[in-house]
């Protein structure tokens, strides 16, 4: 039996696995094993402070030491640019 099947997995845990995978892909693409300790992560404009904190927590769980969040543009801003 899968040990994870018997417990609740927090969204931050799932996100941290995704971030770890992305970090590994960056390392593979760049062709080196240097430590990746910093990242800039874009979050949707509608994310509230709690959701932004959860994103930072996930990045920290993934092993990142310095995380900068950028707020993406809203749908309304994107539509204005498309016109």
C-alpha atoms as a PDB file:
ATOM      1  CA  UNK A   1       0.000   0.000   0.000  1.00  0.00           C
ATOM      2  CA  UNK A   2       1.200   3.470  -0.847  1.00  0.00           C
ATOM      3  CA  UNK A   3       2.127   5.246   2.433  1.00  0.00           C
ATOM      4  CA  UNK A   4       0.821   8.543   1.062  1.00  0.00           C
ATOM      5  CA  UNK A   5      -2.608   7.076   0.356  1.00  0.00           C
ATOM      6  CA  UNK A   6      -3.389   6.898   4.056  1.00  0.00           C
ATOM      7  CA  UNK A   7      -2.770  10.563   4.859  1.00  0.00           C
ATOM      8  CA  UNK A   8      -3.938  13.970   3.718  1.00  0.00           C
ATOM      9  CA  UNK A   9      -1.457  15.725   1.440  1.00  0.00           C
ATOM     10  CA  UNK A  10      -1.430  19.496   1.731  1.00  0.00           C
ATOM     11  CA  UNK A  11      -1.444  21.547  -1.478  1.00  0.00           C
ATOM     12  CA  UNK A  12       1.906  23.045  -0.445  1.00  0.00           C
ATOM     13  CA  UNK A  13       3.432  19.552  -0.464  1.00  0.00           C
ATOM     14  CA  UNK A  14       2.198  18.887  -3.997  1.00  0.00           C
ATOM     15  CA  UNK A  15       3.481  22.289  -5.124  1.00  0.00           C
ATOM     16  CA  UNK A  16       6.876  21.636  -3.538  1.00  0.00           C
ATOM     17  CA  UNK A  17       7.218  18.428  -5.583  1.00  0.00           C
ATOM     18  CA  UNK A  18       6.387  20.354  -8.757  1.00  0.00           C
ATOM     19  CA  UNK A  19       8.951  23.042  -7.881  1.00  0.00           C
ATOM     20  CA  UNK A  20      11.611  20.394  -7.123  1.00  0.00           C
ATOM     21  CA  UNK A  21      10.929  18.829 -10.520  1.00  0.00           C
ATOM     22  CA  UNK A  22      11.241  22.217 -12.256  1.00  0.00           C
ATOM     23  CA  UNK A  23      14.506  22.963 -10.449  1.00  0.00           C
ATOM     24  CA  UNK A  24      15.881  19.600 -11.572  1.00  0.00           C
ATOM     25  CA  UNK A  25      14.822  20.329 -15.159  1.00  0.00           C
ATOM     26  CA  UNK A  26      16.691  23.664 -15.010  1.00  0.00           C
ATOM     27  CA  UNK A  27      19.808  21.923 -13.697  1.00  0.00           C
ATOM     28  CA  UNK A  28      19.581  19.275 -16.421  1.00  0.00           C
ATOM     29  CA  UNK A  29      19.050  21.893 -19.127  1.00  0.00           C
ATOM     30  CA  UNK A  30      21.985  23.999 -17.968  1.00  0.00           C
ATOM     31  CA  UNK A  31      24.120  20.881 -17.676  1.00  0.00           C
ATOM     32  CA  UNK A  32      25.483  21.374 -14.193  1.00  0.00           C
ATOM     33  CA  UNK A  33      24.806  20.263 -10.655  1.00  0.00           C
ATOM     34  CA  UNK A  34      25.216  23.616  -8.963  1.00  0.00           C
ATOM     35  CA  UNK A  35      22.823  24.309  -6.143  1.00  0.00           C
ATOM     36  CA  UNK A  36      19.747  26.257  -7.218  1.00  0.00           C
ATOM     37  CA  UNK A  37      18.796  28.278  -4.177  1.00  0.00           C
ATOM     38  CA  UNK A  38      16.905  31.221  -5.635  1.00  0.00           C
ATOM     39  CA  UNK A  39      13.812  31.568  -7.764  1.00  0.00           C
ATOM     40  CA  UNK A  40      11.361  34.111  -9.054  1.00  0.00           C
ATOM     41  CA  UNK A  41       7.843  32.693  -9.069  1.00  0.00           C
ATOM     42  CA  UNK A  42       4.894  34.376 -10.739  1.00  0.00           C
ATOM     43  CA  UNK A  43       1.546  34.011  -8.987  1.00  0.00           C
ATOM     44  CA  UNK A  44      -1.859  34.948 -10.410  1.00  0.00           C
ATOM     45  CA  UNK A  45      -3.046  38.492  -9.735  1.00  0.00           C
ATOM     46  CA  UNK A  46      -6.061  37.211  -7.814  1.00  0.00           C
ATOM     47  CA  UNK A  47      -3.949  35.302  -5.236  1.00  0.00           C
ATOM     48  CA  UNK A  48      -4.630  36.559  -1.730  1.00  0.00           C
ATOM     49  CA  UNK A  49      -1.906  36.893   0.954  1.00  0.00           C
ATOM     50  CA  UNK A  50      -2.590  33.387   2.273  1.00  0.00           C
ATOM     51  CA  UNK A  51      -2.115  31.870  -1.175  1.00  0.00           C
ATOM     52  CA  UNK A  52       1.091  33.833  -1.688  1.00  0.00           C
ATOM     53  CA  UNK A  53       2.402  32.602   1.691  1.00  0.00           C
ATOM     54  CA  UNK A  54       1.537  29.020   0.705  1.00  0.00           C
ATOM     55  CA  UNK A  55       3.515  29.475  -2.526  1.00  0.00           C
ATOM     56  CA  UNK A  56       6.552  30.687  -0.579  1.00  0.00           C
ATOM     57  CA  UNK A  57       6.157  27.770   1.851  1.00  0.00           C
ATOM     58  CA  UNK A  58       6.083  25.298  -1.039  1.00  0.00           C
ATOM     59  CA  UNK A  59       9.232  26.833  -2.538  1.00  0.00           C
ATOM     60  CA  UNK A  60      10.964  26.648   0.843  1.00  0.00           C
ATOM     61  CA  UNK A  61       9.915  23.000   1.229  1.00  0.00           C
ATOM     62  CA  UNK A  62      11.447  22.402  -2.214  1.00  0.00           C
ATOM     63  CA  UNK A  63      14.793  23.636  -0.909  1.00  0.00           C
ATOM     64  CA  UNK A  64      14.848  27.172  -2.250  1.00  0.00           C
ATOM     65  CA  UNK A  65      16.418  29.712   0.087  1.00  0.00           C
ATOM     66  CA  UNK A  66      15.459  32.999  -1.580  1.00  0.00           C
ATOM     67  CA  UNK A  67      12.080  33.347  -3.236  1.00  0.00           C
ATOM     68  CA  UNK A  68      10.764  36.426  -4.995  1.00  0.00           C
ATOM     69  CA  UNK A  69       7.095  36.497  -5.925  1.00  0.00           C
ATOM     70  CA  UNK A  70       5.869  38.461  -8.892  1.00  0.00           C
ATOM     71  CA  UNK A  71       2.185  39.147  -9.189  1.00  0.00           C
ATOM     72  CA  UNK A  72       0.901  38.330 -12.654  1.00  0.00           C
ATOM     73  CA  UNK A  73      -1.399  40.663 -14.434  1.00  0.00           C
ATOM     74  CA  UNK A  74      -5.138  40.342 -14.077  1.00  0.00           C
ATOM     75  CA  UNK A  75      -7.310  39.063 -16.900  1.00  0.00           C
ATOM     76  CA  UNK A  76      -8.588  42.580 -17.358  1.00  0.00           C
ATOM     77  CA  UNK A  77      -5.042  43.950 -17.799  1.00  0.00           C
ATOM     78  CA  UNK A  78      -4.214  41.183 -20.272  1.00  0.00           C
ATOM     79  CA  UNK A  79      -7.294  41.957 -22.358  1.00  0.00           C
ATOM     80  CA  UNK A  80      -6.390  45.657 -22.451  1.00  0.00           C
ATOM     81  CA  UNK A  81      -2.957  44.760 -23.857  1.00  0.00           C
ATOM     82  CA  UNK A  82      -4.546  42.502 -26.475  1.00  0.00           C
ATOM     83  CA  UNK A  83      -6.705  45.330 -27.843  1.00  0.00           C
END
